Amino acid sequence: MRSDFTFFHSLRVRWSEVDMQRVVFNGNYFNYFDVAVYESWRAMLAAGLPAAGAGLQTRFDGWIHNIFVVKASAEYHAPAHWNDDLDIGVRIARLGRSSMRTVTEIHRADEHLVSGELIYVYKDPVANASAPLPDEFRQLAIAFERVRPEGA
């Protein structure tokens, strides 16, 4: 439901994203998810900056460069069309030890068009293996999303 989301990113469907019937090509919804998730992380960073102080931007940039999608899915309810104004809701639904599950929804006004799920894993760049999400990132996410960490 739209009310489940506290963060939305808005965008307008561009001509290059539609087919000859002016319907958004299904793969483009994953681009929309990706842009909205990144924008939600930027909002999360902005919300945490006053309390976290200097250096958070640098640490945050390092974290998000080591978070990778391992699963992406979408459920299509209705199509978006060229020039539609869309709102993409994003929320972190689960924080695991090294992963997080992000849920997305795309709306045109009050109409729910697409539901999505993205599962991310944090990777230690030196060991090239999954690693625990940094505590500071976890605390920012919990404060921003008001989610319960797994096992809590």
N, C-alpha and C. Protein backbone atom coordinates (compact mmCIF):
# COMPACT_ATOMS: atom_id res chain seq x y z
N MET A 1 0.83 -1.18 0.00
CA MET A 1 0.00 0.00 0.00
C MET A 1 0.88 1.25 0.00
N ARG A 2 0.41 2.27 -0.65
CA ARG A 2 1.15 3.52 -0.73
C ARG A 2 1.49 4.07 0.66
N SER A 3 0.62 3.87 1.60
CA SER A 3 0.84 4.39 2.95
C SER A 3 1.96 3.66 3.70
N ASP A 4 2.44 2.53 3.17
CA ASP A 4 3.54 1.79 3.79
C ASP A 4 4.89 2.47 3.58
N PHE A 5 4.94 3.48 2.72
CA PHE A 5 6.20 4.09 2.33
C PHE A 5 6.31 5.51 2.87
N THR A 6 7.47 5.82 3.42
CA THR A 6 7.74 7.18 3.86
C THR A 6 8.61 7.92 2.85
N PHE A 7 9.23 7.20 1.92
CA PHE A 7 10.07 7.84 0.90
C PHE A 7 9.51 7.55 -0.48
N PHE A 8 9.40 8.60 -1.28
CA PHE A 8 9.00 8.48 -2.69
C PHE A 8 9.95 9.30 -3.55
N HIS A 9 10.26 8.76 -4.70
CA HIS A 9 11.01 9.50 -5.71
C HIS A 9 10.10 9.64 -6.92
N SER A 10 10.00 10.85 -7.45
CA SER A 10 9.12 11.10 -8.59
C SER A 10 9.93 11.20 -9.87
N LEU A 11 9.33 10.73 -10.95
CA LEU A 11 9.94 10.89 -12.27
C LEU A 11 8.86 10.87 -13.34
N ARG A 12 9.21 11.36 -14.50
CA ARG A 12 8.30 11.35 -15.64
C ARG A 12 8.84 10.36 -16.66
N VAL A 13 7.96 9.54 -17.22
CA VAL A 13 8.35 8.55 -18.23
C VAL A 13 8.83 9.28 -19.48
N ARG A 14 10.03 8.92 -19.92
CA ARG A 14 10.62 9.53 -21.11
C ARG A 14 10.33 8.70 -22.35
N TRP A 15 10.41 9.35 -23.49
CA TRP A 15 10.12 8.72 -24.78
C TRP A 15 10.99 7.48 -25.00
N SER A 16 12.25 7.53 -24.62
CA SER A 16 13.18 6.42 -24.86
C SER A 16 12.84 5.18 -24.03
N GLU A 17 11.92 5.30 -23.07
CA GLU A 17 11.59 4.19 -22.17
C GLU A 17 10.35 3.43 -22.60
N VAL A 18 9.72 3.86 -23.68
CA VAL A 18 8.46 3.23 -24.10
C VAL A 18 8.61 2.54 -25.45
N ASP A 19 7.65 1.63 -25.72
CA ASP A 19 7.62 0.95 -27.01
C ASP A 19 6.70 1.71 -27.97
N MET A 20 6.40 1.12 -29.10
CA MET A 20 5.59 1.80 -30.11
C MET A 20 4.16 2.10 -29.64
N GLN A 21 3.69 1.38 -28.63
CA GLN A 21 2.35 1.65 -28.08
C GLN A 21 2.40 2.68 -26.95
N ARG A 22 3.59 3.27 -26.74
CA ARG A 22 3.83 4.26 -25.68
C ARG A 22 3.67 3.67 -24.29
N VAL A 23 3.94 2.38 -24.16
CA VAL A 23 3.91 1.68 -22.88
C VAL A 23 5.36 1.46 -22.45
N VAL A 24 5.64 1.65 -21.15
CA VAL A 24 6.99 1.46 -20.64
C VAL A 24 7.43 0.01 -20.85
N PHE A 25 8.61 -0.16 -21.44
CA PHE A 25 9.20 -1.49 -21.61
C PHE A 25 9.47 -2.07 -20.23
N ASN A 26 9.11 -3.34 -20.01
CA ASN A 26 9.14 -3.93 -18.67
C ASN A 26 10.49 -3.83 -17.98
N GLY A 27 11.59 -3.96 -18.70
CA GLY A 27 12.91 -3.88 -18.07
C GLY A 27 13.23 -2.51 -17.50
N ASN A 28 12.59 -1.48 -18.00
CA ASN A 28 12.86 -0.13 -17.51
C ASN A 28 12.38 0.09 -16.08
N TYR A 29 11.43 -0.72 -15.63
CA TYR A 29 10.98 -0.58 -14.25
C TYR A 29 12.13 -0.85 -13.28
N PHE A 30 13.04 -1.75 -13.65
CA PHE A 30 14.20 -2.02 -12.79
C PHE A 30 15.13 -0.81 -12.72
N ASN A 31 15.23 -0.05 -13.82
CA ASN A 31 15.98 1.21 -13.78
C ASN A 31 15.30 2.18 -12.83
N TYR A 32 13.97 2.25 -12.88
CA TYR A 32 13.24 3.13 -11.98
C TYR A 32 13.48 2.72 -10.52
N PHE A 33 13.44 1.42 -10.24
CA PHE A 33 13.71 0.94 -8.89
C PHE A 33 15.10 1.39 -8.44
N ASP A 34 16.09 1.19 -9.32
CA ASP A 34 17.47 1.49 -8.98
C ASP A 34 17.65 2.97 -8.66
N VAL A 35 17.10 3.83 -9.49
CA VAL A 35 17.20 5.28 -9.25
C VAL A 35 16.53 5.64 -7.93
N ALA A 36 15.36 5.11 -7.68
CA ALA A 36 14.63 5.44 -6.46
C ALA A 36 15.35 4.92 -5.21
N VAL A 37 15.91 3.72 -5.27
CA VAL A 37 16.66 3.19 -4.12
C VAL A 37 17.85 4.09 -3.83
N TYR A 38 18.59 4.46 -4.86
CA TYR A 38 19.73 5.34 -4.64
C TYR A 38 19.28 6.67 -4.04
N GLU A 39 18.20 7.23 -4.53
CA GLU A 39 17.69 8.49 -3.99
C GLU A 39 17.25 8.32 -2.54
N SER A 40 16.70 7.16 -2.20
CA SER A 40 16.31 6.93 -0.80
C SER A 40 17.55 6.86 0.08
N TRP A 41 18.63 6.27 -0.43
CA TRP A 41 19.88 6.22 0.34
C TRP A 41 20.45 7.62 0.52
N ARG A 42 20.35 8.48 -0.51
CA ARG A 42 20.80 9.87 -0.38
C ARG A 42 19.98 10.59 0.69
N ALA A 43 18.67 10.33 0.71
CA ALA A 43 17.82 10.95 1.73
C ALA A 43 18.19 10.42 3.12
N MET A 44 18.50 9.14 3.20
CA MET A 44 18.92 8.54 4.47
C MET A 44 20.21 9.19 4.95
N LEU A 45 21.15 9.41 4.04
CA LEU A 45 22.40 10.07 4.38
C LEU A 45 22.14 11.50 4.86
N ALA A 46 21.32 12.24 4.14
CA ALA A 46 21.01 13.62 4.51
C ALA A 46 20.37 13.68 5.89
N ALA A 47 19.50 12.73 6.19
CA ALA A 47 18.84 12.71 7.49
C ALA A 47 19.84 12.42 8.61
N GLY A 48 20.88 11.64 8.31
CA GLY A 48 21.86 11.27 9.33
C GLY A 48 23.03 12.22 9.47
N LEU A 49 23.23 13.11 8.50
CA LEU A 49 24.40 13.99 8.53
C LEU A 49 24.51 14.88 9.76
N PRO A 50 23.44 15.56 10.18
CA PRO A 50 23.60 16.46 11.32
C PRO A 50 24.12 15.75 12.57
N ALA A 51 23.68 14.54 12.82
CA ALA A 51 24.09 13.82 14.02
C ALA A 51 25.45 13.14 13.85
N ALA A 52 25.76 12.68 12.65
CA ALA A 52 26.97 11.88 12.44
C ALA A 52 28.23 12.71 12.23
N GLY A 53 28.08 13.92 11.74
CA GLY A 53 29.22 14.81 11.60
C GLY A 53 30.11 14.52 10.40
N ALA A 54 31.30 15.04 10.48
CA ALA A 54 32.26 14.99 9.36
C ALA A 54 32.64 13.57 9.00
N GLY A 55 32.83 13.37 7.72
CA GLY A 55 33.30 12.08 7.23
C GLY A 55 32.21 11.11 6.85
N LEU A 56 30.96 11.39 7.23
CA LEU A 56 29.89 10.44 6.94
C LEU A 56 29.70 10.28 5.43
N GLN A 57 29.76 11.36 4.68
CA GLN A 57 29.59 11.27 3.23
C GLN A 57 30.61 10.32 2.62
N THR A 58 31.87 10.42 3.03
CA THR A 58 32.93 9.56 2.50
C THR A 58 32.69 8.11 2.88
N ARG A 59 32.34 7.87 4.14
CA ARG A 59 32.07 6.49 4.57
C ARG A 59 30.86 5.92 3.83
N PHE A 60 29.82 6.75 3.69
CA PHE A 60 28.60 6.33 3.02
C PHE A 60 28.88 5.95 1.56
N ASP A 61 29.68 6.78 0.87
CA ASP A 61 30.04 6.48 -0.52
C ASP A 61 30.75 5.14 -0.61
N GLY A 62 31.61 4.84 0.34
CA GLY A 62 32.30 3.55 0.36
C GLY A 62 31.36 2.39 0.57
N TRP A 63 30.39 2.57 1.46
CA TRP A 63 29.44 1.49 1.72
C TRP A 63 28.61 1.16 0.49
N ILE A 64 28.06 2.19 -0.15
CA ILE A 64 27.15 1.89 -1.26
C ILE A 64 27.88 1.36 -2.48
N HIS A 65 29.19 1.57 -2.55
CA HIS A 65 29.95 0.96 -3.65
C HIS A 65 30.21 -0.52 -3.40
N ASN A 66 29.89 -0.99 -2.22
CA ASN A 66 30.11 -2.40 -1.88
C ASN A 66 28.81 -3.13 -1.57
N ILE A 67 27.69 -2.57 -2.01
CA ILE A 67 26.39 -3.22 -1.86
C ILE A 67 25.93 -3.65 -3.25
N PHE A 68 25.61 -4.93 -3.40
CA PHE A 68 25.28 -5.49 -4.71
C PHE A 68 23.92 -6.17 -4.71
N VAL A 69 23.20 -6.01 -5.79
CA VAL A 69 21.91 -6.70 -5.95
C VAL A 69 22.18 -8.18 -6.23
N VAL A 70 21.51 -9.05 -5.48
CA VAL A 70 21.61 -10.49 -5.73
C VAL A 70 20.27 -11.08 -6.20
N LYS A 71 19.19 -10.30 -6.02
CA LYS A 71 17.88 -10.74 -6.49
C LYS A 71 17.04 -9.52 -6.81
N ALA A 72 16.36 -9.58 -7.94
CA ALA A 72 15.46 -8.49 -8.32
C ALA A 72 14.21 -9.12 -8.93
N SER A 73 13.05 -8.65 -8.49
CA SER A 73 11.81 -9.17 -9.05
C SER A 73 10.80 -8.03 -9.15
N ALA A 74 9.84 -8.24 -10.05
CA ALA A 74 8.78 -7.24 -10.24
C ALA A 74 7.47 -7.96 -10.52
N GLU A 75 6.41 -7.35 -10.06
CA GLU A 75 5.06 -7.83 -10.36
C GLU A 75 4.31 -6.66 -10.99
N TYR A 76 3.85 -6.89 -12.21
CA TYR A 76 3.21 -5.83 -12.99
C TYR A 76 1.70 -5.89 -12.83
N HIS A 77 1.12 -4.78 -12.40
CA HIS A 77 -0.33 -4.70 -12.20
C HIS A 77 -1.01 -3.92 -13.32
N ALA A 78 -0.35 -2.87 -13.80
CA ALA A 78 -0.88 -2.03 -14.88
C ALA A 78 0.30 -1.29 -15.50
N PRO A 79 0.21 -0.94 -16.77
CA PRO A 79 1.35 -0.30 -17.44
C PRO A 79 1.42 1.20 -17.18
N ALA A 80 2.65 1.70 -17.23
CA ALA A 80 2.88 3.15 -17.27
C ALA A 80 3.07 3.52 -18.73
N HIS A 81 2.77 4.77 -19.05
CA HIS A 81 2.82 5.24 -20.43
C HIS A 81 3.72 6.46 -20.55
N TRP A 82 4.07 6.77 -21.80
CA TRP A 82 4.88 7.93 -22.07
C TRP A 82 4.28 9.18 -21.43
N ASN A 83 5.14 9.94 -20.78
CA ASN A 83 4.82 11.22 -20.16
C ASN A 83 4.03 11.10 -18.85
N ASP A 84 3.81 9.88 -18.36
CA ASP A 84 3.18 9.71 -17.04
C ASP A 84 4.10 10.23 -15.95
N ASP A 85 3.53 10.84 -14.94
CA ASP A 85 4.26 11.19 -13.73
C ASP A 85 4.12 10.03 -12.76
N LEU A 86 5.25 9.48 -12.35
CA LEU A 86 5.26 8.32 -11.47
C LEU A 86 5.89 8.67 -10.13
N ASP A 87 5.41 8.00 -9.09
CA ASP A 87 6.01 8.08 -7.76
C ASP A 87 6.47 6.67 -7.42
N ILE A 88 7.75 6.55 -7.06
CA ILE A 88 8.31 5.25 -6.71
C ILE A 88 8.59 5.24 -5.22
N GLY A 89 7.85 4.40 -4.50
CA GLY A 89 8.04 4.25 -3.06
C GLY A 89 9.13 3.23 -2.79
N VAL A 90 9.97 3.50 -1.80
CA VAL A 90 11.07 2.61 -1.43
C VAL A 90 11.09 2.47 0.08
N ARG A 91 11.27 1.24 0.53
CA ARG A 91 11.51 1.05 1.97
C ARG A 91 12.36 -0.19 2.17
N ILE A 92 13.17 -0.14 3.20
CA ILE A 92 13.96 -1.31 3.59
C ILE A 92 13.04 -2.16 4.46
N ALA A 93 12.69 -3.32 3.97
CA ALA A 93 11.75 -4.19 4.67
C ALA A 93 12.44 -5.11 5.67
N ARG A 94 13.73 -5.39 5.42
CA ARG A 94 14.47 -6.29 6.32
C ARG A 94 15.94 -5.98 6.26
N LEU A 95 16.57 -5.94 7.42
CA LEU A 95 18.02 -5.83 7.53
C LEU A 95 18.54 -7.12 8.13
N GLY A 96 19.30 -7.85 7.35
CA GLY A 96 19.95 -9.05 7.85
C GLY A 96 21.36 -8.72 8.31
N ARG A 97 22.16 -9.74 8.53
CA ARG A 97 23.55 -9.53 8.96
C ARG A 97 24.34 -8.86 7.85
N SER A 98 24.25 -9.41 6.64
CA SER A 98 25.02 -8.88 5.51
C SER A 98 24.12 -8.47 4.35
N SER A 99 22.83 -8.57 4.54
CA SER A 99 21.92 -8.28 3.42
C SER A 99 20.76 -7.40 3.87
N MET A 100 20.09 -6.85 2.88
CA MET A 100 18.86 -6.12 3.15
C MET A 100 17.89 -6.35 2.01
N ARG A 101 16.64 -6.38 2.37
CA ARG A 101 15.55 -6.55 1.40
C ARG A 101 14.83 -5.22 1.26
N THR A 102 14.81 -4.73 0.04
CA THR A 102 14.15 -3.46 -0.25
C THR A 102 12.90 -3.73 -1.06
N VAL A 103 11.81 -3.10 -0.67
CA VAL A 103 10.53 -3.23 -1.35
C VAL A 103 10.24 -1.91 -2.04
N THR A 104 9.74 -2.00 -3.28
CA THR A 104 9.41 -0.81 -4.05
C THR A 104 8.00 -0.93 -4.61
N GLU A 105 7.38 0.22 -4.83
CA GLU A 105 6.10 0.27 -5.54
C GLU A 105 6.11 1.48 -6.44
N ILE A 106 5.53 1.31 -7.61
CA ILE A 106 5.40 2.42 -8.54
C ILE A 106 3.92 2.77 -8.65
N HIS A 107 3.64 4.07 -8.49
CA HIS A 107 2.27 4.58 -8.52
C HIS A 107 2.15 5.69 -9.55
N ARG A 108 1.03 5.74 -10.20
CA ARG A 108 0.62 6.89 -11.01
C ARG A 108 -0.60 7.45 -10.30
N ALA A 109 -0.40 8.60 -9.64
CA ALA A 109 -1.43 9.16 -8.76
C ALA A 109 -1.79 8.08 -7.72
N ASP A 110 -3.05 7.69 -7.64
CA ASP A 110 -3.45 6.68 -6.65
C ASP A 110 -3.44 5.26 -7.20
N GLU A 111 -3.04 5.08 -8.45
CA GLU A 111 -3.05 3.75 -9.07
C GLU A 111 -1.71 3.05 -8.86
N HIS A 112 -1.75 1.87 -8.28
CA HIS A 112 -0.56 1.05 -8.04
C HIS A 112 -0.25 0.26 -9.31
N LEU A 113 0.90 0.56 -9.93
CA LEU A 113 1.25 -0.05 -11.22
C LEU A 113 2.16 -1.26 -11.08
N VAL A 114 3.20 -1.16 -10.27
CA VAL A 114 4.23 -2.21 -10.21
C VAL A 114 4.71 -2.35 -8.78
N SER A 115 4.95 -3.61 -8.37
CA SER A 115 5.58 -3.92 -7.09
C SER A 115 6.94 -4.54 -7.38
N GLY A 116 7.91 -4.24 -6.55
CA GLY A 116 9.24 -4.81 -6.76
C GLY A 116 9.91 -5.19 -5.47
N GLU A 117 10.90 -6.05 -5.61
CA GLU A 117 11.72 -6.47 -4.49
C GLU A 117 13.17 -6.53 -4.97
N LEU A 118 14.06 -5.96 -4.18
CA LEU A 118 15.49 -6.02 -4.46
C LEU A 118 16.19 -6.50 -3.20
N ILE A 119 17.02 -7.51 -3.35
CA ILE A 119 17.81 -7.99 -2.22
C ILE A 119 19.27 -7.65 -2.49
N TYR A 120 19.85 -6.96 -1.52
CA TYR A 120 21.24 -6.52 -1.63
C TYR A 120 22.10 -7.28 -0.62
N VAL A 121 23.36 -7.49 -0.99
CA VAL A 121 24.34 -8.08 -0.08
C VAL A 121 25.53 -7.14 -0.02
N TYR A 122 26.02 -6.94 1.19
CA TYR A 122 27.21 -6.13 1.39
C TYR A 122 28.43 -7.03 1.23
N LYS A 123 29.43 -6.54 0.51
CA LYS A 123 30.62 -7.34 0.22
C LYS A 123 31.86 -6.64 0.73
N ASP A 124 32.72 -7.40 1.40
CA ASP A 124 34.03 -6.90 1.79
C ASP A 124 34.88 -6.85 0.52
N PRO A 125 35.33 -5.65 0.11
CA PRO A 125 36.06 -5.55 -1.16
C PRO A 125 37.42 -6.24 -1.15
N VAL A 126 38.03 -6.38 0.01
CA VAL A 126 39.34 -7.03 0.09
C VAL A 126 39.18 -8.55 0.02
N ALA A 127 38.29 -9.09 0.84
CA ALA A 127 38.08 -10.54 0.87
C ALA A 127 37.22 -11.02 -0.30
N ASN A 128 36.53 -10.09 -0.97
CA ASN A 128 35.62 -10.43 -2.08
C ASN A 128 34.58 -11.46 -1.65
N ALA A 129 34.02 -11.23 -0.46
CA ALA A 129 33.01 -12.13 0.11
C ALA A 129 32.01 -11.30 0.90
N SER A 130 30.83 -11.87 1.14
CA SER A 130 29.83 -11.14 1.92
C SER A 130 30.40 -10.83 3.31
N ALA A 131 29.95 -9.72 3.84
CA ALA A 131 30.44 -9.26 5.14
C ALA A 131 29.28 -8.56 5.85
N PRO A 132 29.36 -8.42 7.16
CA PRO A 132 28.29 -7.73 7.87
C PRO A 132 28.15 -6.29 7.37
N LEU A 133 26.90 -5.84 7.28
CA LEU A 133 26.65 -4.43 6.97
C LEU A 133 27.33 -3.58 8.03
N PRO A 134 27.98 -2.49 7.64
CA PRO A 134 28.61 -1.63 8.65
C PRO A 134 27.58 -1.14 9.66
N ASP A 135 27.96 -1.16 10.94
CA ASP A 135 27.04 -0.76 12.01
C ASP A 135 26.47 0.64 11.79
N GLU A 136 27.31 1.56 11.34
CA GLU A 136 26.84 2.92 11.15
C GLU A 136 25.79 3.00 10.04
N PHE A 137 25.98 2.24 8.97
CA PHE A 137 24.98 2.16 7.89
C PHE A 137 23.68 1.58 8.46
N ARG A 138 23.82 0.51 9.21
CA ARG A 138 22.66 -0.15 9.83
C ARG A 138 21.88 0.83 10.71
N GLN A 139 22.58 1.60 11.53
CA GLN A 139 21.91 2.56 12.42
C GLN A 139 21.21 3.66 11.63
N LEU A 140 21.84 4.13 10.54
CA LEU A 140 21.19 5.13 9.69
C LEU A 140 19.90 4.56 9.10
N ALA A 141 19.97 3.32 8.60
CA ALA A 141 18.80 2.69 7.99
C ALA A 141 17.69 2.49 9.01
N ILE A 142 18.03 2.05 10.19
CA ILE A 142 17.02 1.81 11.23
C ILE A 142 16.34 3.13 11.61
N ALA A 143 17.13 4.18 11.77
CA ALA A 143 16.56 5.48 12.14
C ALA A 143 15.69 6.04 11.02
N PHE A 144 16.15 5.89 9.77
CA PHE A 144 15.44 6.45 8.63
C PHE A 144 14.15 5.67 8.32
N GLU A 145 14.25 4.36 8.36
CA GLU A 145 13.13 3.50 7.97
C GLU A 145 12.29 3.04 9.15
N ARG A 146 12.85 3.10 10.34
CA ARG A 146 12.18 2.56 11.52
C ARG A 146 11.91 1.07 11.36
N VAL A 147 12.92 0.35 10.80
CA VAL A 147 12.79 -1.09 10.65
C VAL A 147 13.43 -1.78 11.84
N ARG A 148 12.99 -2.98 12.08
CA ARG A 148 13.63 -3.79 13.12
C ARG A 148 14.70 -4.64 12.47
N PRO A 149 15.92 -4.63 13.00
CA PRO A 149 16.94 -5.52 12.45
C PRO A 149 16.54 -6.97 12.68
N GLU A 150 17.00 -7.84 11.80
CA GLU A 150 16.69 -9.27 11.92
C GLU A 150 17.19 -9.78 13.27
N GLY A 151 16.38 -10.55 13.93
CA GLY A 151 16.74 -11.12 15.22
C GLY A 151 16.41 -10.23 16.41
N ALA A 152 15.91 -9.02 16.15
CA ALA A 152 15.60 -8.11 17.26
C ALA A 152 14.17 -8.29 17.71
